[in-house]
Amino acid sequence: MPDFEALIRHQQLKQPTTNQRLKVVDSPNFEKEKKEETIITKSGLLVNFFGGFVGSVIGTLTILFLYINEYLPIDFLKLK
């Protein structure tokens, strides 16, 4: 059976120093990122609203089409 304590001691002795583990990187250029950023304003809310509205209309029309052609039996009178 392997000697786990010796393995742990070996790993602790072989650890790299702090300078070797940490790498210095250049500071990010935030001004460049702001220019590349997509502009999402109040119009995004309007687009999402109309997208949801169109989706609900399409879903409602699909259910009505299936109900009228008797592919989807819905009995509202059974709900009493």
Protein backbone atom coordinates (compact mmCIF):
# COMPACT_ATOMS: atom_id res chain seq x y z
CA MET A 1 0.00 0.00 0.00
CA PRO A 2 1.42 3.43 -0.90
CA ASP A 3 2.70 5.70 1.83
CA PHE A 4 0.31 8.64 1.55
CA GLU A 5 1.98 10.66 4.28
CA ALA A 6 5.29 10.53 2.43
CA LEU A 7 3.52 11.50 -0.79
CA ILE A 8 1.90 14.53 0.88
CA ARG A 9 5.23 15.59 2.42
CA HIS A 10 6.88 15.28 -0.99
CA GLN A 11 4.15 17.42 -2.62
CA GLN A 12 4.44 20.07 0.09
CA LEU A 13 8.21 20.28 -0.33
CA LYS A 14 7.93 20.50 -4.13
CA GLN A 15 5.37 23.36 -4.12
CA PRO A 16 6.38 26.32 -6.28
CA THR A 17 7.06 29.62 -4.60
CA THR A 18 4.51 32.41 -4.59
CA ASN A 19 6.28 34.24 -7.40
CA GLN A 20 6.18 31.13 -9.55
CA ARG A 21 2.48 30.48 -8.90
CA LEU A 22 1.23 34.03 -9.45
CA LYS A 23 1.56 35.55 -12.88
CA VAL A 24 1.47 39.29 -13.49
CA VAL A 25 -0.78 40.28 -16.37
CA ASP A 26 -1.36 43.59 -18.11
CA SER A 27 -4.24 45.72 -16.90
CA PRO A 28 -7.36 45.45 -19.06
CA ASN A 29 -8.34 48.30 -21.34
CA PHE A 30 -11.88 49.15 -20.22
CA GLU A 31 -12.34 51.98 -22.73
CA LYS A 32 -11.90 49.58 -25.63
CA GLU A 33 -14.48 47.20 -24.14
CA LYS A 34 -17.03 49.99 -23.75
CA LYS A 35 -16.79 50.84 -27.44
CA GLU A 36 -17.31 47.21 -28.47
CA GLU A 37 -20.26 46.80 -26.11
CA THR A 38 -23.66 46.34 -27.74
CA ILE A 39 -26.14 49.05 -26.87
CA ILE A 40 -29.19 47.72 -25.07
CA THR A 41 -31.56 50.53 -24.16
CA LYS A 42 -35.28 50.93 -23.59
CA SER A 43 -35.92 49.68 -27.12
CA GLY A 44 -34.79 46.24 -25.95
CA LEU A 45 -37.73 46.11 -23.56
CA LEU A 46 -40.09 47.05 -26.38
CA VAL A 47 -38.66 44.36 -28.67
CA ASN A 48 -39.03 41.75 -25.92
CA PHE A 49 -42.63 42.81 -25.27
CA PHE A 50 -43.61 42.52 -28.93
CA GLY A 51 -41.73 39.25 -29.27
CA GLY A 52 -43.68 37.80 -26.35
CA PHE A 53 -46.93 39.18 -27.75
CA VAL A 54 -46.33 37.65 -31.18
CA GLY A 55 -45.39 34.33 -29.57
CA SER A 56 -48.57 34.27 -27.50
CA VAL A 57 -50.70 35.06 -30.58
CA ILE A 58 -49.03 32.26 -32.55
CA GLY A 59 -49.56 29.82 -29.67
CA THR A 60 -53.22 30.81 -29.30
CA LEU A 61 -53.87 30.47 -33.02
CA THR A 62 -52.18 27.05 -33.04
CA ILE A 63 -54.37 25.79 -30.19
CA LEU A 64 -57.51 27.18 -31.87
CA PHE A 65 -56.54 25.55 -35.18
CA LEU A 66 -56.04 22.18 -33.48
CA TYR A 67 -59.33 22.55 -31.59
CA ILE A 68 -61.34 23.51 -34.70
CA ASN A 69 -59.94 20.57 -36.69
CA GLU A 70 -60.67 18.25 -33.73
CA TYR A 71 -57.03 17.24 -33.22
CA LEU A 72 -57.21 18.65 -29.70
CA PRO A 73 -60.43 17.81 -27.86
CA ILE A 74 -61.14 20.43 -25.21
CA ASP A 75 -64.41 20.13 -23.32
CA PHE A 76 -65.04 23.30 -21.37
CA LEU A 77 -68.35 21.96 -20.06
CA LYS A 78 -66.54 19.22 -18.09
CA LEU A 79 -64.83 21.84 -15.93
CA LYS A 80 -67.96 22.49 -13.82
